[in-house]
């Protein structure tokens, strides 16, 4: 059942505007040089942070379609009646969400890194950092979507809730992009693992709370 849910999420994501987060990511990366000027050293210092801010905002774009449509249509209730745990539903949605935007974001990070002035070693570090961080961004998106499902102006509320929660991930991810010798990558990995491990339980609890 979990595998079928993952396939369903991937199909729904790809049939929708799957290109939109990637386009938004590249748009932010394009705007940064115009905003700060052509100074290559300055761009190199802030490039990693710019990419992470772009990745965070790109992960937020599809948040309204992750939980609310299934809640409103009764799909979540039907899954419960078939014996599927709410935590398993949350995990399947996280995996499906990541598959629809994570790999595409990694591909877009290559031209995005050049746009913000990152050199070869920094490009490699940024790809590793984003590869580690995007599953956590997907997990946060699904958990926050479950917490705000059914609320008025859920999209704006989800953004306000998710951004503070993602701050440690963004800080360590951007630091890992800028300095390969620091422990930032290990800290980013630890934060990402904590988020990915805990988010299914938060999602499951939020789904049950919305049902009562």
Protein backbone atom coordinates (compact mmCIF):
# COMPACT_ATOMS: atom_id res chain seq x y z
CA UNK A 1 0.00 0.00 0.00
CA UNK A 2 2.83 2.41 0.86
CA UNK A 3 4.48 1.81 -2.51
CA UNK A 4 1.17 2.47 -4.27
CA UNK A 5 0.80 5.73 -2.33
CA UNK A 6 4.29 6.82 -3.36
CA UNK A 7 3.55 6.08 -7.03
CA UNK A 8 0.28 8.00 -6.73
CA UNK A 9 2.03 11.03 -5.24
CA UNK A 10 4.71 11.00 -7.93
CA UNK A 11 2.14 10.77 -10.73
CA UNK A 12 0.07 13.57 -9.25
CA UNK A 13 3.13 15.75 -8.77
CA UNK A 14 4.47 15.18 -12.27
CA UNK A 15 1.08 15.70 -13.90
CA UNK A 16 0.83 19.04 -12.12
CA UNK A 17 3.23 21.96 -12.36
CA UNK A 18 6.33 19.96 -11.37
CA UNK A 19 8.49 22.43 -13.28
CA UNK A 20 7.30 25.39 -11.20
CA UNK A 21 9.59 24.90 -8.15
CA UNK A 22 12.58 24.44 -10.45
CA UNK A 23 11.70 27.54 -12.45
CA UNK A 24 11.29 29.50 -9.22
CA UNK A 25 14.67 28.21 -7.98
CA UNK A 26 16.43 29.32 -11.15
CA UNK A 27 14.61 32.65 -11.13
CA UNK A 28 15.94 33.47 -7.65
CA UNK A 29 19.45 32.38 -8.65
CA UNK A 30 19.22 34.67 -11.69
CA UNK A 31 18.04 37.67 -9.68
CA UNK A 32 20.77 37.47 -6.99
CA UNK A 33 23.64 38.75 -9.22
CA UNK A 34 21.50 41.70 -10.31
CA UNK A 35 20.65 42.49 -6.68
CA UNK A 36 24.18 42.40 -5.23
CA UNK A 37 26.24 43.39 -8.28
CA UNK A 38 28.88 41.62 -10.37
CA UNK A 39 31.50 41.31 -7.59
CA UNK A 40 32.65 37.69 -7.96
CA UNK A 41 34.09 37.47 -4.43
CA UNK A 42 30.88 38.75 -2.87
CA UNK A 43 28.77 36.39 -4.97
CA UNK A 44 31.00 33.50 -3.96
CA UNK A 45 30.46 34.29 -0.28
CA UNK A 46 26.68 34.56 -0.46
CA UNK A 47 26.04 32.08 -3.27
CA UNK A 48 25.48 29.08 -1.03
CA UNK A 49 23.00 30.92 1.13
CA UNK A 50 21.16 32.22 -1.95
CA UNK A 51 20.80 28.70 -3.32
CA UNK A 52 19.43 27.44 -0.03
CA UNK A 53 16.90 30.25 0.22
CA UNK A 54 15.85 29.42 -3.34
CA UNK A 55 15.52 25.72 -2.45
CA UNK A 56 13.43 26.52 0.64
CA UNK A 57 11.00 28.73 -1.26
CA UNK A 58 10.79 26.19 -4.09
CA UNK A 59 9.81 23.49 -1.58
CA UNK A 60 7.03 25.73 -0.28
CA UNK A 61 5.29 26.23 -3.63
CA UNK A 62 3.34 22.93 -3.85
CA UNK A 63 2.55 22.75 -0.12
CA UNK A 64 -1.20 23.32 -0.50
CA UNK A 65 -1.65 20.23 -2.67
CA UNK A 66 0.22 17.81 -0.39
CA UNK A 67 -2.44 17.04 2.26
CA UNK A 68 -5.52 19.27 1.93
CA UNK A 69 -6.97 17.79 -1.32
CA UNK A 70 -6.88 14.26 0.13
CA UNK A 71 -8.34 15.46 3.43
CA UNK A 72 -11.17 17.33 1.72
CA UNK A 73 -11.99 14.41 -0.64
CA UNK A 74 -12.01 11.84 2.17
CA UNK A 75 -9.02 9.92 0.80
CA UNK A 76 -7.24 10.00 4.17
CA UNK A 77 -10.32 8.53 5.89
CA UNK A 78 -10.54 5.76 3.30
CA UNK A 79 -6.86 4.89 3.84
CA UNK A 80 -7.50 4.65 7.58
CA UNK A 81 -10.43 2.29 6.97
CA UNK A 82 -8.14 0.01 4.95
CA UNK A 83 -5.75 -0.20 7.90
CA UNK A 84 -3.05 2.12 6.58
CA UNK A 85 -1.35 3.99 9.41
CA UNK A 86 -1.39 7.77 9.22
CA UNK A 87 2.37 7.76 9.75
CA UNK A 88 2.79 5.51 6.70
CA UNK A 89 0.66 7.93 4.67
CA UNK A 90 2.90 10.78 5.82
CA UNK A 91 6.07 8.89 4.93
CA UNK A 92 4.71 8.00 1.48
CA UNK A 93 3.78 11.61 0.80
CA UNK A 94 7.25 12.78 1.87
CA UNK A 95 8.98 10.32 -0.45
CA UNK A 96 6.63 11.15 -3.31
CA UNK A 97 7.06 14.89 -2.78
CA UNK A 98 10.84 14.58 -2.77
CA UNK A 99 10.85 12.48 -5.94
CA UNK A 100 8.89 15.16 -7.80
CA UNK A 101 11.11 18.09 -6.87
CA UNK A 102 14.39 16.88 -5.29
CA UNK A 103 16.13 15.36 -8.35
CA UNK A 104 14.95 18.23 -10.57
CA UNK A 105 16.27 20.71 -8.03
CA UNK A 106 19.67 18.99 -8.03
CA UNK A 107 19.83 19.32 -11.82
CA UNK A 108 18.81 22.98 -11.62
CA UNK A 109 21.46 23.58 -8.93
CA UNK A 110 24.22 23.15 -11.53
CA UNK A 111 23.32 26.22 -13.64
CA UNK A 112 22.09 27.93 -10.47
CA UNK A 113 25.52 27.61 -8.88
CA UNK A 114 27.18 29.25 -11.86
CA UNK A 115 24.62 32.03 -11.82
CA UNK A 116 25.51 32.93 -8.22
CA UNK A 117 29.24 32.72 -8.90
CA UNK A 118 30.24 29.43 -7.24
CA UNK A 119 33.44 27.83 -8.53
CA UNK A 120 34.03 24.11 -9.17
CA UNK A 121 34.73 22.93 -5.59
CA UNK A 122 31.91 25.09 -4.22
CA UNK A 123 29.59 23.66 -6.89
CA UNK A 124 30.39 20.11 -5.75
CA UNK A 125 29.80 21.07 -2.11
CA UNK A 126 26.53 22.78 -2.97
CA UNK A 127 25.25 19.68 -4.80
CA UNK A 128 26.14 17.46 -1.82
CA UNK A 129 24.55 19.90 0.59
CA UNK A 130 21.33 20.20 -1.42
CA UNK A 131 21.16 16.42 -1.94
CA UNK A 132 21.29 15.94 1.84
CA UNK A 133 18.91 18.78 2.61
CA UNK A 134 16.11 18.31 0.08
CA UNK A 135 14.64 15.18 1.74
CA UNK A 136 14.37 17.19 4.95
CA UNK A 137 12.72 20.07 3.08
CA UNK A 138 10.21 17.59 1.60
CA UNK A 139 9.54 16.13 5.05
CA UNK A 140 9.02 19.57 6.57
CA UNK A 141 6.69 20.56 3.74
CA UNK A 142 4.44 17.53 4.27
CA UNK A 143 4.41 17.89 8.06
CA UNK A 144 3.55 21.60 7.88
CA UNK A 145 0.92 20.90 5.21
CA UNK A 146 -0.72 18.39 7.57
CA UNK A 147 -0.61 20.85 10.48
CA UNK A 148 -2.31 23.60 8.43
CA UNK A 149 -4.74 21.43 6.40
CA UNK A 150 -8.27 22.77 6.50
CA UNK A 151 -7.30 26.15 7.94
CA UNK A 152 -8.12 29.41 6.14
CA UNK A 153 -5.19 30.90 4.23
CA UNK A 154 -3.29 27.66 4.82
CA UNK A 155 -0.60 28.45 2.21
CA UNK A 156 0.53 31.66 3.88
CA UNK A 157 0.30 30.10 7.32
CA UNK A 158 2.37 27.11 6.18
CA UNK A 159 5.10 29.44 4.94
CA UNK A 160 5.21 31.31 8.23
CA UNK A 161 5.41 28.02 10.12
CA UNK A 162 7.93 26.25 7.92
CA UNK A 163 10.53 28.98 7.53
CA UNK A 164 11.57 29.14 11.22
CA UNK A 165 11.66 25.34 11.41
CA UNK A 166 13.99 25.21 8.39
CA UNK A 167 16.45 27.79 9.76
CA UNK A 168 18.98 25.25 11.22
CA UNK A 169 18.93 23.28 7.98
CA UNK A 170 19.49 26.41 5.89
CA UNK A 171 22.29 27.68 8.16
CA UNK A 172 24.28 24.44 8.11
CA UNK A 173 23.53 23.75 4.43
CA UNK A 174 24.76 27.18 3.36
CA UNK A 175 27.83 26.87 5.60
CA UNK A 176 28.67 23.48 4.09
CA UNK A 177 28.54 25.02 0.63
CA UNK A 178 30.97 27.76 1.60
CA UNK A 179 33.55 25.77 3.54
CA UNK A 180 34.34 22.15 2.87
CA UNK A 181 36.63 21.89 5.90
CA UNK A 182 34.00 22.81 8.51
CA UNK A 183 31.73 20.46 10.41
CA UNK A 184 28.68 22.13 8.88
CA UNK A 185 27.97 19.20 6.54
CA UNK A 186 27.86 16.77 9.47
CA UNK A 187 25.58 19.09 11.39
CA UNK A 188 23.35 19.51 8.34
CA UNK A 189 23.16 15.72 7.99
CA UNK A 190 22.22 15.33 11.65
CA UNK A 191 19.48 17.97 11.38
CA UNK A 192 18.17 16.43 8.16
CA UNK A 193 18.02 12.94 9.69
CA UNK A 194 16.19 14.28 12.73
CA UNK A 195 13.61 16.03 10.54
CA UNK A 196 13.10 13.05 8.22
CA UNK A 197 12.75 10.65 11.17
CA UNK A 198 10.31 12.81 13.12
CA UNK A 199 8.17 14.29 10.36
CA UNK A 200 6.04 11.14 9.66
CA UNK A 201 4.94 11.05 13.30
CA UNK A 202 4.09 14.76 13.28
CA UNK A 203 2.17 14.27 10.04
CA UNK A 204 0.29 11.28 11.40
CA UNK A 205 -0.66 13.11 14.60
CA UNK A 206 -1.84 16.14 12.60
CA UNK A 207 -3.98 13.96 10.32
CA UNK A 208 -5.62 12.30 13.33
CA UNK A 209 -6.20 15.66 14.99
CA UNK A 210 -7.88 17.03 11.85
CA UNK A 211 -10.15 13.98 11.78
CA UNK A 212 -11.55 14.53 15.29
